[in-house]
C-alpha cells in the first residue's frame, strides 16, 4: 500500500511510499481527513516516495489550507527526496505544502 497511516505515535505518521498517483487519491484523502480531525494531527513522511502526481500534490495543498484554518498540526517529517523536488520545481511550484518558505532552514532539508 502506497499510503500508510501509523497512529502508534502521537501525532501519527502518514507514510507515502513509491509512486503516489490517482490510484492512491481516495486513500490519501481519507488519511488526510482523519489527520485533520478534532484532536488529531500528523507528520507526513515522504522519504520513501518516488513520485507525486498532480492529484497527490493537490490533496497535500488542500490539507495544508485546512490544517492552517483549523490549527491542526500537519508537518513534513524528515527530508524530501530530491527526486520529488526536481519535478515539482519544473512544474512551477515554489515550495512544497507544509514547508514554511520564510524559514531559513526548511524542515524538508531545503527541497523547495
PDB file of N, CA and C in Angstrom:
ATOM      1  N   UNK A   1       0.853  -1.180   0.000  1.00  0.00           N
ATOM      2  CA  UNK A   1       0.000   0.000   0.000  1.00  0.00           C
ATOM      3  C   UNK A   1       0.894   1.237   0.000  1.00  0.00           C
ATOM      4  N   UNK A   2       0.623   2.188  -0.855  1.00  0.00           N
ATOM      5  CA  UNK A   2       1.461   3.371  -1.027  1.00  0.00           C
ATOM      6  C   UNK A   2       1.217   4.426   0.042  1.00  0.00           C
ATOM      7  N   UNK A   3       0.050   4.411   0.680  1.00  0.00           N
ATOM      8  CA  UNK A   3      -0.294   5.404   1.703  1.00  0.00           C
ATOM      9  C   UNK A   3      -0.593   4.649   2.993  1.00  0.00           C
ATOM     10  N   UNK A   4       0.227   4.905   4.014  1.00  0.00           N
ATOM     11  CA  UNK A   4       0.050   4.243   5.305  1.00  0.00           C
ATOM     12  C   UNK A   4      -0.084   5.297   6.388  1.00  0.00           C
ATOM     13  N   UNK A   5      -0.916   5.023   7.365  1.00  0.00           N
ATOM     14  CA  UNK A   5      -1.086   5.944   8.493  1.00  0.00           C
ATOM     15  C   UNK A   5      -0.762   5.192   9.764  1.00  0.00           C
ATOM     16  N   UNK A   6       0.382   5.475  10.349  1.00  0.00           N
ATOM     17  CA  UNK A   6       0.825   4.850  11.590  1.00  0.00           C
ATOM     18  C   UNK A   6       0.378   5.728  12.749  1.00  0.00           C
ATOM     19  N   UNK A   7      -0.606   5.244  13.496  1.00  0.00           N
ATOM     20  CA  UNK A   7      -1.173   6.003  14.611  1.00  0.00           C
ATOM     21  C   UNK A   7      -0.555   5.614  15.952  1.00  0.00           C
ATOM     22  N   UNK A   8       0.470   4.767  15.928  1.00  0.00           N
ATOM     23  CA  UNK A   8       1.053   4.280  17.179  1.00  0.00           C
ATOM     24  C   UNK A   8       1.818   5.373  17.924  1.00  0.00           C
ATOM     25  N   UNK A   9       2.219   6.411  17.222  1.00  0.00           N
ATOM     26  CA  UNK A   9       2.893   7.542  17.850  1.00  0.00           C
ATOM     27  C   UNK A   9       1.962   8.739  17.802  1.00  0.00           C
ATOM     28  N   UNK A  10       2.142   9.676  18.703  1.00  0.00           N
ATOM     29  CA  UNK A  10       1.329  10.890  18.643  1.00  0.00           C
ATOM     30  C   UNK A  10       2.192  12.079  18.287  1.00  0.00           C
ATOM     31  N   UNK A  11       1.915  12.880  17.322  1.00  0.00           N
ATOM     32  CA  UNK A  11       0.863  12.626  16.332  1.00  0.00           C
ATOM     33  C   UNK A  11       1.263  11.488  15.401  1.00  0.00           C
ATOM     34  N   UNK A  12       0.310  10.973  14.676  1.00  0.00           N
ATOM     35  CA  UNK A  12       0.573   9.866  13.771  1.00  0.00           C
ATOM     36  C   UNK A  12       1.503  10.257  12.636  1.00  0.00           C
ATOM     37  N   UNK A  13       1.931   9.240  11.902  1.00  0.00           N
ATOM     38  CA  UNK A  13       2.816   9.468  10.755  1.00  0.00           C
ATOM     39  C   UNK A  13       2.134   8.922   9.505  1.00  0.00           C
ATOM     40  N   UNK A  14       1.956   9.795   8.511  1.00  0.00           N
ATOM     41  CA  UNK A  14       1.441   9.389   7.206  1.00  0.00           C
ATOM     42  C   UNK A  14       2.658   9.106   6.349  1.00  0.00           C
ATOM     43  N   UNK A  15       2.810   7.857   5.915  1.00  0.00           N
ATOM     44  CA  UNK A  15       3.960   7.473   5.094  1.00  0.00           C
ATOM     45  C   UNK A  15       3.505   7.278   3.651  1.00  0.00           C
ATOM     46  N   UNK A  16       4.146   8.017   2.757  1.00  0.00           N
ATOM     47  CA  UNK A  16       3.886   7.875   1.333  1.00  0.00           C
ATOM     48  C   UNK A  16       5.067   7.111   0.739  1.00  0.00           C
ATOM     49  N   UNK A  17       4.772   5.994   0.063  1.00  0.00           N
ATOM     50  CA  UNK A  17       5.825   5.135  -0.458  1.00  0.00           C
ATOM     51  C   UNK A  17       5.603   4.834  -1.929  1.00  0.00           C
ATOM     52  N   UNK A  18       6.680   4.876  -2.699  1.00  0.00           N
ATOM     53  CA  UNK A  18       6.597   4.567  -4.119  1.00  0.00           C
ATOM     54  C   UNK A  18       5.957   5.700  -4.899  1.00  0.00           C
ATOM     55  N   UNK A  19       5.302   5.332  -5.996  1.00  0.00           N
ATOM     56  CA  UNK A  19       4.626   6.313  -6.842  1.00  0.00           C
ATOM     57  C   UNK A  19       3.240   6.595  -6.284  1.00  0.00           C
ATOM     58  N   UNK A  20       2.987   7.845  -5.944  1.00  0.00           N
ATOM     59  CA  UNK A  20       1.694   8.244  -5.400  1.00  0.00           C
ATOM     60  C   UNK A  20       0.928   8.918  -6.531  1.00  0.00           C
ATOM     61  N   UNK A  21      -0.139   8.259  -6.984  1.00  0.00           N
ATOM     62  CA  UNK A  21      -0.885   8.764  -8.127  1.00  0.00           C
ATOM     63  C   UNK A  21      -2.382   8.713  -7.917  1.00  0.00           C
ATOM     64  N   UNK A  22      -3.088   8.803  -9.000  1.00  0.00           N
ATOM     65  CA  UNK A  22      -4.557   8.848  -8.970  1.00  0.00           C
ATOM     66  C   UNK A  22      -5.146   7.613  -8.286  1.00  0.00           C
ATOM     67  N   UNK A  23      -4.495   6.476  -8.442  1.00  0.00           N
ATOM     68  CA  UNK A  23      -4.990   5.252  -7.811  1.00  0.00           C
ATOM     69  C   UNK A  23      -4.941   5.334  -6.284  1.00  0.00           C
ATOM     70  N   UNK A  24      -4.088   6.202  -5.762  1.00  0.00           N
ATOM     71  CA  UNK A  24      -3.938   6.355  -4.311  1.00  0.00           C
ATOM     72  C   UNK A  24      -4.710   7.538  -3.756  1.00  0.00           C
ATOM     73  N   UNK A  25      -5.368   8.290  -4.624  1.00  0.00           N
ATOM     74  CA  UNK A  25      -6.010   9.541  -4.215  1.00  0.00           C
ATOM     75  C   UNK A  25      -7.071   9.343  -3.139  1.00  0.00           C
ATOM     76  N   UNK A  26      -7.931   8.364  -3.287  1.00  0.00           N
ATOM     77  CA  UNK A  26      -9.002   8.154  -2.306  1.00  0.00           C
ATOM     78  C   UNK A  26      -8.422   7.816  -0.933  1.00  0.00           C
ATOM     79  N   UNK A  27      -7.425   6.954  -0.892  1.00  0.00           N
ATOM     80  CA  UNK A  27      -6.800   6.574   0.375  1.00  0.00           C
ATOM     81  C   UNK A  27      -6.077   7.772   0.991  1.00  0.00           C
ATOM     82  N   UNK A  28      -5.323   8.525   0.172  1.00  0.00           N
ATOM     83  CA  UNK A  28      -4.606   9.691   0.681  1.00  0.00           C
ATOM     84  C   UNK A  28      -5.583  10.718   1.236  1.00  0.00           C
ATOM     85  N   UNK A  29      -6.670  10.958   0.528  1.00  0.00           N
ATOM     86  CA  UNK A  29      -7.672  11.915   1.002  1.00  0.00           C
ATOM     87  C   UNK A  29      -8.262  11.466   2.332  1.00  0.00           C
ATOM     88  N   UNK A  30      -8.616  10.181   2.436  1.00  0.00           N
ATOM     89  CA  UNK A  30      -9.207   9.662   3.675  1.00  0.00           C
ATOM     90  C   UNK A  30      -8.238   9.800   4.847  1.00  0.00           C
ATOM     91  N   UNK A  31      -6.964   9.502   4.623  1.00  0.00           N
ATOM     92  CA  UNK A  31      -5.959   9.592   5.683  1.00  0.00           C
ATOM     93  C   UNK A  31      -5.741  11.047   6.089  1.00  0.00           C
ATOM     94  N   UNK A  32      -5.676  11.944   5.111  1.00  0.00           N
ATOM     95  CA  UNK A  32      -5.507  13.364   5.432  1.00  0.00           C
ATOM     96  C   UNK A  32      -6.707  13.902   6.205  1.00  0.00           C
ATOM     97  N   UNK A  33      -7.915  13.510   5.812  1.00  0.00           N
ATOM     98  CA  UNK A  33      -9.106  13.939   6.545  1.00  0.00           C
ATOM     99  C   UNK A  33      -9.084  13.418   7.979  1.00  0.00           C
ATOM    100  N   UNK A  34      -8.659  12.191   8.159  1.00  0.00           N
ATOM    101  CA  UNK A  34      -8.549  11.629   9.507  1.00  0.00           C
ATOM    102  C   UNK A  34      -7.534  12.426  10.325  1.00  0.00           C
ATOM    103  N   UNK A  35      -6.417  12.768   9.714  1.00  0.00           N
ATOM    104  CA  UNK A  35      -5.375  13.531  10.410  1.00  0.00           C
ATOM    105  C   UNK A  35      -5.833  14.942  10.744  1.00  0.00           C
ATOM    106  N   UNK A  36      -6.796  15.456   9.988  1.00  0.00           N
ATOM    107  CA  UNK A  36      -7.318  16.803  10.225  1.00  0.00           C
ATOM    108  C   UNK A  36      -8.467  16.823  11.227  1.00  0.00           C
ATOM    109  N   UNK A  37      -8.871  15.659  11.718  1.00  0.00           N
ATOM    110  CA  UNK A  37      -9.985  15.572  12.650  1.00  0.00           C
ATOM    111  C   UNK A  37      -9.671  16.220  13.986  1.00  0.00           C
ATOM    112  N   UNK A  38     -10.707  16.421  14.801  1.00  0.00           N
ATOM    113  CA  UNK A  38     -10.538  17.044  16.114  1.00  0.00           C
ATOM    114  C   UNK A  38      -9.497  16.314  16.967  1.00  0.00           C
ATOM    115  N   UNK A  39      -8.562  17.054  17.507  1.00  0.00           N
ATOM    116  CA  UNK A  39      -7.546  16.486  18.380  1.00  0.00           C
ATOM    117  C   UNK A  39      -6.528  15.630  17.660  1.00  0.00           C
ATOM    118  N   UNK A  40      -6.541  15.652  16.342  1.00  0.00           N
ATOM    119  CA  UNK A  40      -5.635  14.806  15.564  1.00  0.00           C
ATOM    120  C   UNK A  40      -4.380  15.592  15.199  1.00  0.00           C
ATOM    121  N   UNK A  41      -3.808  15.265  14.088  1.00  0.00           N
ATOM    122  CA  UNK A  41      -2.570  15.852  13.609  1.00  0.00           C
ATOM    123  C   UNK A  41      -1.703  14.731  13.088  1.00  0.00           C
ATOM    124  N   UNK A  42      -0.698  15.075  12.312  1.00  0.00           N
ATOM    125  CA  UNK A  42       0.186  14.052  11.775  1.00  0.00           C
ATOM    126  C   UNK A  42       1.435  14.674  11.191  1.00  0.00           C
ATOM    127  N   UNK A  43       2.414  13.826  11.044  1.00  0.00           N
ATOM    128  CA  UNK A  43       3.616  14.168  10.293  1.00  0.00           C
ATOM    129  C   UNK A  43       3.530  13.391   8.980  1.00  0.00           C
ATOM    130  N   UNK A  44       4.013  13.969   7.909  1.00  0.00           N
ATOM    131  CA  UNK A  44       3.950  13.328   6.602  1.00  0.00           C
ATOM    132  C   UNK A  44       5.372  12.972   6.189  1.00  0.00           C
ATOM    133  N   UNK A  45       5.639  11.672   6.045  1.00  0.00           N
ATOM    134  CA  UNK A  45       6.960  11.179   5.674  1.00  0.00           C
ATOM    135  C   UNK A  45       6.987  10.892   4.179  1.00  0.00           C
ATOM    136  N   UNK A  46       7.873  11.573   3.474  1.00  0.00           N
ATOM    137  CA  UNK A  46       7.984  11.425   2.021  1.00  0.00           C
ATOM    138  C   UNK A  46       9.266  10.728   1.592  1.00  0.00           C
ATOM    139  N   UNK A  47      10.093  10.324   2.539  1.00  0.00           N
ATOM    140  CA  UNK A  47      11.407   9.774   2.208  1.00  0.00           C
ATOM    141  C   UNK A  47      11.347   8.550   1.305  1.00  0.00           C
ATOM    142  N   UNK A  48      10.284   7.764   1.378  1.00  0.00           N
ATOM    143  CA  UNK A  48      10.172   6.537   0.578  1.00  0.00           C
ATOM    144  C   UNK A  48       9.345   6.742  -0.694  1.00  0.00           C
ATOM    145  N   UNK A  49       8.865   7.958  -0.922  1.00  0.00           N
ATOM    146  CA  UNK A  49       8.076   8.242  -2.129  1.00  0.00           C
ATOM    147  C   UNK A  49       9.020   8.440  -3.307  1.00  0.00           C
ATOM    148  N   UNK A  50       8.640   7.888  -4.449  1.00  0.00           N
ATOM    149  CA  UNK A  50       9.464   8.065  -5.647  1.00  0.00           C
ATOM    150  C   UNK A  50       8.876   9.108  -6.585  1.00  0.00           C
ATOM    151  N   UNK A  51       7.564   9.354  -6.497  1.00  0.00           N
ATOM    152  CA  UNK A  51       6.944  10.408  -7.297  1.00  0.00           C
ATOM    153  C   UNK A  51       5.583  10.766  -6.712  1.00  0.00           C
ATOM    154  N   UNK A  52       5.184  12.010  -6.959  1.00  0.00           N
ATOM    155  CA  UNK A  52       3.864  12.513  -6.554  1.00  0.00           C
ATOM    156  C   UNK A  52       3.221  13.075  -7.810  1.00  0.00           C
ATOM    157  N   UNK A  53       2.039  12.574  -8.173  1.00  0.00           N
ATOM    158  CA  UNK A  53       1.378  13.164  -9.334  1.00  0.00           C
ATOM    159  C   UNK A  53       0.594  14.393  -8.892  1.00  0.00           C
ATOM    160  N   UNK A  54       0.016  15.076  -9.854  1.00  0.00           N
ATOM    161  CA  UNK A  54      -0.676  16.334  -9.569  1.00  0.00           C
ATOM    162  C   UNK A  54      -1.826  16.133  -8.580  1.00  0.00           C
ATOM    163  N   UNK A  55      -2.482  14.989  -8.616  1.00  0.00           N
ATOM    164  CA  UNK A  55      -3.580  14.720  -7.674  1.00  0.00           C
ATOM    165  C   UNK A  55      -3.065  14.697  -6.242  1.00  0.00           C
ATOM    166  N   UNK A  56      -1.941  14.023  -6.017  1.00  0.00           N
ATOM    167  CA  UNK A  56      -1.365  13.953  -4.676  1.00  0.00           C
ATOM    168  C   UNK A  56      -0.939  15.331  -4.195  1.00  0.00           C
ATOM    169  N   UNK A  57      -0.317  16.104  -5.069  1.00  0.00           N
ATOM    170  CA  UNK A  57       0.118  17.456  -4.698  1.00  0.00           C
ATOM    171  C   UNK A  57      -1.090  18.333  -4.365  1.00  0.00           C
ATOM    172  N   UNK A  58      -2.155  18.213  -5.155  1.00  0.00           N
ATOM    173  CA  UNK A  58      -3.372  18.990  -4.879  1.00  0.00           C
ATOM    174  C   UNK A  58      -3.961  18.618  -3.524  1.00  0.00           C
ATOM    175  N   UNK A  59      -3.981  17.327  -3.193  1.00  0.00           N
ATOM    176  CA  UNK A  59      -4.507  16.903  -1.896  1.00  0.00           C
ATOM    177  C   UNK A  59      -3.652  17.436  -0.751  1.00  0.00           C
ATOM    178  N   UNK A  60      -2.339  17.447  -0.936  1.00  0.00           N
ATOM    179  CA  UNK A  60      -1.457  17.989   0.102  1.00  0.00           C
ATOM    180  C   UNK A  60      -1.670  19.495   0.277  1.00  0.00           C
ATOM    181  N   UNK A  61      -1.842  20.220  -0.832  1.00  0.00           N
ATOM    182  CA  UNK A  61      -2.118  21.655  -0.730  1.00  0.00           C
ATOM    183  C   UNK A  61      -3.448  21.905  -0.018  1.00  0.00           C
ATOM    184  N   UNK A  62      -4.469  21.154  -0.360  1.00  0.00           N
ATOM    185  CA  UNK A  62      -5.778  21.322   0.286  1.00  0.00           C
ATOM    186  C   UNK A  62      -5.682  21.003   1.779  1.00  0.00           C
ATOM    187  N   UNK A  63      -4.927  19.957   2.125  1.00  0.00           N
ATOM    188  CA  UNK A  63      -4.760  19.602   3.535  1.00  0.00           C
ATOM    189  C   UNK A  63      -4.006  20.697   4.277  1.00  0.00           C
ATOM    190  N   UNK A  64      -3.017  21.305   3.632  1.00  0.00           N
ATOM    191  CA  UNK A  64      -2.284  22.393   4.273  1.00  0.00           C
ATOM    192  C   UNK A  64      -3.217  23.557   4.600  1.00  0.00           C
ATOM    193  N   UNK A  65      -4.056  23.933   3.647  1.00  0.00           N
ATOM    194  CA  UNK A  65      -5.003  25.041   3.888  1.00  0.00           C
ATOM    195  C   UNK A  65      -5.972  24.682   5.016  1.00  0.00           C
ATOM    196  N   UNK A  66      -6.476  23.455   5.008  1.00  0.00           N
ATOM    197  CA  UNK A  66      -7.412  23.031   6.050  1.00  0.00           C
ATOM    198  C   UNK A  66      -6.725  22.995   7.417  1.00  0.00           C
ATOM    199  N   UNK A  67      -5.484  22.543   7.458  1.00  0.00           N
ATOM    200  CA  UNK A  67      -4.746  22.491   8.724  1.00  0.00           C
ATOM    201  C   UNK A  67      -4.514  23.892   9.271  1.00  0.00           C
ATOM    202  N   UNK A  68      -4.155  24.814   8.401  1.00  0.00           N
ATOM    203  CA  UNK A  68      -3.945  26.190   8.844  1.00  0.00           C
ATOM    204  C   UNK A  68      -5.240  26.802   9.361  1.00  0.00           C
ATOM    205  N   UNK A  69      -6.335  26.547   8.674  1.00  0.00           N
ATOM    206  CA  UNK A  69      -7.629  27.111   9.076  1.00  0.00           C
ATOM    207  C   UNK A  69      -8.101  26.550  10.415  1.00  0.00           C
ATOM    208  N   UNK A  70      -7.789  25.293  10.681  1.00  0.00           N
ATOM    209  CA  UNK A  70      -8.279  24.658  11.905  1.00  0.00           C
ATOM    210  C   UNK A  70      -7.263  24.636  13.037  1.00  0.00           C
ATOM    211  N   UNK A  71      -6.032  25.028  12.742  1.00  0.00           N
ATOM    212  CA  UNK A  71      -4.994  24.988  13.765  1.00  0.00           C
ATOM    213  C   UNK A  71      -4.464  23.595  14.025  1.00  0.00           C
ATOM    214  N   UNK A  72      -4.686  22.677  13.104  1.00  0.00           N
ATOM    215  CA  UNK A  72      -4.221  21.296  13.241  1.00  0.00           C
ATOM    216  C   UNK A  72      -2.758  21.200  12.814  1.00  0.00           C
ATOM    217  N   UNK A  73      -1.990  20.422  13.541  1.00  0.00           N
ATOM    218  CA  UNK A  73      -0.582  20.241  13.230  1.00  0.00           C
ATOM    219  C   UNK A  73      -0.402  19.173  12.151  1.00  0.00           C
ATOM    220  N   UNK A  74       0.006  19.586  10.972  1.00  0.00           N
ATOM    221  CA  UNK A  74       0.423  18.685   9.896  1.00  0.00           C
ATOM    222  C   UNK A  74       1.768  19.216   9.419  1.00  0.00           C
ATOM    223  N   UNK A  75       2.783  18.367   9.451  1.00  0.00           N
ATOM    224  CA  UNK A  75       4.125  18.789   9.058  1.00  0.00           C
ATOM    225  C   UNK A  75       4.798  17.707   8.236  1.00  0.00           C
ATOM    226  N   UNK A  76       5.865  18.097   7.546  1.00  0.00           N
ATOM    227  CA  UNK A  76       6.707  17.141   6.838  1.00  0.00           C
ATOM    228  C   UNK A  76       7.694  16.581   7.845  1.00  0.00           C
ATOM    229  N   UNK A  77       7.875  15.258   7.828  1.00  0.00           N
ATOM    230  CA  UNK A  77       8.851  14.608   8.699  1.00  0.00           C
ATOM    231  C   UNK A  77      10.076  14.244   7.867  1.00  0.00           C
ATOM    232  N   UNK A  78      11.237  14.540   8.380  1.00  0.00           N
ATOM    233  CA  UNK A  78      12.464  14.167   7.691  1.00  0.00           C
ATOM    234  C   UNK A  78      12.715  15.019   6.464  1.00  0.00           C
ATOM    235  N   UNK A  79      13.436  14.448   5.529  1.00  0.00           N
ATOM    236  CA  UNK A  79      13.788  15.174   4.313  1.00  0.00           C
ATOM    237  C   UNK A  79      12.910  14.731   3.151  1.00  0.00           C
ATOM    238  N   UNK A  80      12.823  15.601   2.173  1.00  0.00           N
ATOM    239  CA  UNK A  80      12.078  15.297   0.953  1.00  0.00           C
ATOM    240  C   UNK A  80      13.104  14.899  -0.097  1.00  0.00           C
ATOM    241  N   UNK A  81      12.962  13.725  -0.700  1.00  0.00           N
ATOM    242  CA  UNK A  81      13.940  13.283  -1.698  1.00  0.00           C
ATOM    243  C   UNK A  81      14.028  14.255  -2.876  1.00  0.00           C
ATOM    244  N   UNK A  82      15.239  14.450  -3.352  1.00  0.00           N
ATOM    245  CA  UNK A  82      15.464  15.338  -4.488  1.00  0.00           C
ATOM    246  C   UNK A  82      14.665  14.879  -5.706  1.00  0.00           C
ATOM    247  N   UNK A  83      14.435  13.571  -5.838  1.00  0.00           N
ATOM    248  CA  UNK A  83      13.661  13.069  -6.981  1.00  0.00           C
ATOM    249  C   UNK A  83      12.217  13.565  -6.958  1.00  0.00           C
ATOM    250  N   UNK A  84      11.728  14.014  -5.808  1.00  0.00           N
ATOM    251  CA  UNK A  84      10.408  14.656  -5.729  1.00  0.00           C
ATOM    252  C   UNK A  84      10.522  16.152  -5.982  1.00  0.00           C
ATOM    253  N   UNK A  85      11.613  16.744  -5.555  1.00  0.00           N
ATOM    254  CA  UNK A  85      11.787  18.192  -5.659  1.00  0.00           C
ATOM    255  C   UNK A  85      11.924  18.662  -7.097  1.00  0.00           C
ATOM    256  N   UNK A  86      12.752  18.002  -7.878  1.00  0.00           N
ATOM    257  CA  UNK A  86      13.008  18.458  -9.249  1.00  0.00           C
ATOM    258  C   UNK A  86      11.735  18.547 -10.084  1.00  0.00           C
ATOM    259  N   UNK A  87      10.891  17.505 -10.130  1.00  0.00           N
ATOM    260  CA  UNK A  87       9.659  17.626 -10.928  1.00  0.00           C
ATOM    261  C   UNK A  87       8.727  18.727 -10.417  1.00  0.00           C
ATOM    262  N   UNK A  88       8.683  18.935  -9.104  1.00  0.00           N
ATOM    263  CA  UNK A  88       7.840  19.995  -8.560  1.00  0.00           C
ATOM    264  C   UNK A  88       8.361  21.369  -8.975  1.00  0.00           C
ATOM    265  N   UNK A  89       9.687  21.548  -8.926  1.00  0.00           N
ATOM    266  CA  UNK A  89      10.279  22.814  -9.379  1.00  0.00           C
ATOM    267  C   UNK A  89       9.969  23.046 -10.857  1.00  0.00           C
ATOM    268  N   UNK A  90      10.148  21.995 -11.661  1.00  0.00           N
ATOM    269  CA  UNK A  90       9.901  22.105 -13.099  1.00  0.00           C
ATOM    270  C   UNK A  90       8.441  22.414 -13.405  1.00  0.00           C
ATOM    271  N   UNK A  91       7.534  21.981 -12.518  1.00  0.00           N
ATOM    272  CA  UNK A  91       6.105  22.255 -12.698  1.00  0.00           C
ATOM    273  C   UNK A  91       5.732  23.658 -12.216  1.00  0.00           C
ATOM    274  N   UNK A  92       6.703  24.379 -11.654  1.00  0.00           N
ATOM    275  CA  UNK A  92       6.452  25.751 -11.246  1.00  0.00           C
ATOM    276  C   UNK A  92       6.143  25.954  -9.777  1.00  0.00           C
ATOM    277  N   UNK A  93       6.259  24.907  -8.967  1.00  0.00           N
ATOM    278  CA  UNK A  93       6.000  25.062  -7.532  1.00  0.00           C
ATOM    279  C   UNK A  93       7.192  25.731  -6.874  1.00  0.00           C
ATOM    280  N   UNK A  94       6.917  26.765  -6.092  1.00  0.00           N
ATOM    281  CA  UNK A  94       7.977  27.455  -5.375  1.00  0.00           C
ATOM    282  C   UNK A  94       8.286  26.797  -4.045  1.00  0.00           C
ATOM    283  N   UNK A  95       7.325  26.051  -3.544  1.00  0.00           N
ATOM    284  CA  UNK A  95       7.538  25.344  -2.280  1.00  0.00           C
ATOM    285  C   UNK A  95       6.613  24.148  -2.220  1.00  0.00           C
ATOM    286  N   UNK A  96       6.915  23.267  -1.300  1.00  0.00           N
ATOM    287  CA  UNK A  96       6.107  22.085  -1.055  1.00  0.00           C
ATOM    288  C   UNK A  96       5.111  22.409   0.050  1.00  0.00           C
ATOM    289  N   UNK A  97       3.903  21.876  -0.009  1.00  0.00           N
ATOM    290  CA  UNK A  97       2.971  22.110   1.108  1.00  0.00           C
ATOM    291  C   UNK A  97       3.599  21.713   2.436  1.00  0.00           C
ATOM    292  N   UNK A  98       3.243  22.418   3.474  1.00  0.00           N
ATOM    293  CA  UNK A  98       3.684  22.195   4.850  1.00  0.00           C
ATOM    294  C   UNK A  98       5.100  22.670   5.113  1.00  0.00           C
ATOM    295  N   UNK A  99       5.724  23.322   4.137  1.00  0.00           N
ATOM    296  CA  UNK A  99       7.059  23.865   4.344  1.00  0.00           C
ATOM    297  C   UNK A  99       6.939  25.381   4.362  1.00  0.00           C
ATOM    298  N   UNK A 100       7.309  25.974   5.463  1.00  0.00           N
ATOM    299  CA  UNK A 100       7.229  27.425   5.589  1.00  0.00           C
ATOM    300  C   UNK A 100       8.357  28.040   4.784  1.00  0.00           C
ATOM    301  N   UNK A 101       8.019  28.670   3.678  1.00  0.00           N
ATOM    302  CA  UNK A 101       9.018  29.228   2.783  1.00  0.00           C
ATOM    303  C   UNK A 101       9.768  30.409   3.397  1.00  0.00           C
ATOM    304  N   UNK A 102       9.327  30.904   4.529  1.00  0.00           N
ATOM    305  CA  UNK A 102      10.023  32.013   5.192  1.00  0.00           C
ATOM    306  C   UNK A 102      11.146  31.502   6.070  1.00  0.00           C
ATOM    307  N   UNK A 103      11.169  30.198   6.360  1.00  0.00           N
ATOM    308  CA  UNK A 103      12.221  29.640   7.207  1.00  0.00           C
ATOM    309  C   UNK A 103      13.565  29.687   6.488  1.00  0.00           C
ATOM    310  N   UNK A 104      14.597  29.994   7.233  1.00  0.00           N
ATOM    311  CA  UNK A 104      15.943  29.953   6.658  1.00  0.00           C
ATOM    312  C   UNK A 104      16.353  28.519   6.379  1.00  0.00           C
ATOM    313  N   UNK A 105      15.942  27.605   7.234  1.00  0.00           N
ATOM    314  CA  UNK A 105      16.243  26.194   7.073  1.00  0.00           C
ATOM    315  C   UNK A 105      14.929  25.417   6.995  1.00  0.00           C
ATOM    316  N   UNK A 106      14.395  25.188   5.785  1.00  0.00           N
ATOM    317  CA  UNK A 106      13.140  24.468   5.669  1.00  0.00           C
ATOM    318  C   UNK A 106      13.225  23.079   6.310  1.00  0.00           C
ATOM    319  N   UNK A 107      12.123  22.633   6.861  1.00  0.00           N
ATOM    320  CA  UNK A 107      12.068  21.336   7.528  1.00  0.00           C
ATOM    321  C   UNK A 107      12.339  20.199   6.560  1.00  0.00           C
ATOM    322  N   UNK A 108      12.221  20.437   5.270  1.00  0.00           N
ATOM    323  CA  UNK A 108      12.403  19.360   4.303  1.00  0.00           C
ATOM    324  C   UNK A 108      13.819  19.273   3.793  1.00  0.00           C
ATOM    325  N   UNK A 109      14.763  19.945   4.434  1.00  0.00           N
ATOM    326  CA  UNK A 109      16.139  19.846   4.016  1.00  0.00           C
ATOM    327  C   UNK A 109      16.470  20.748   2.839  1.00  0.00           C
ATOM    328  N   UNK A 110      15.633  21.732   2.558  1.00  0.00           N
ATOM    329  CA  UNK A 110      15.932  22.689   1.516  1.00  0.00           C
ATOM    330  C   UNK A 110      15.384  22.333   0.150  1.00  0.00           C
ATOM    331  N   UNK A 111      14.466  21.398   0.071  1.00  0.00           N
ATOM    332  CA  UNK A 111      13.932  20.942  -1.208  1.00  0.00           C
ATOM    333  C   UNK A 111      13.368  22.077  -2.028  1.00  0.00           C
ATOM    334  N   UNK A 112      12.410  22.786  -1.532  1.00  0.00           N
ATOM    335  CA  UNK A 112      11.762  23.860  -2.289  1.00  0.00           C
ATOM    336  C   UNK A 112      11.660  25.099  -1.430  1.00  0.00           C
TER     337      UNK A 112
END
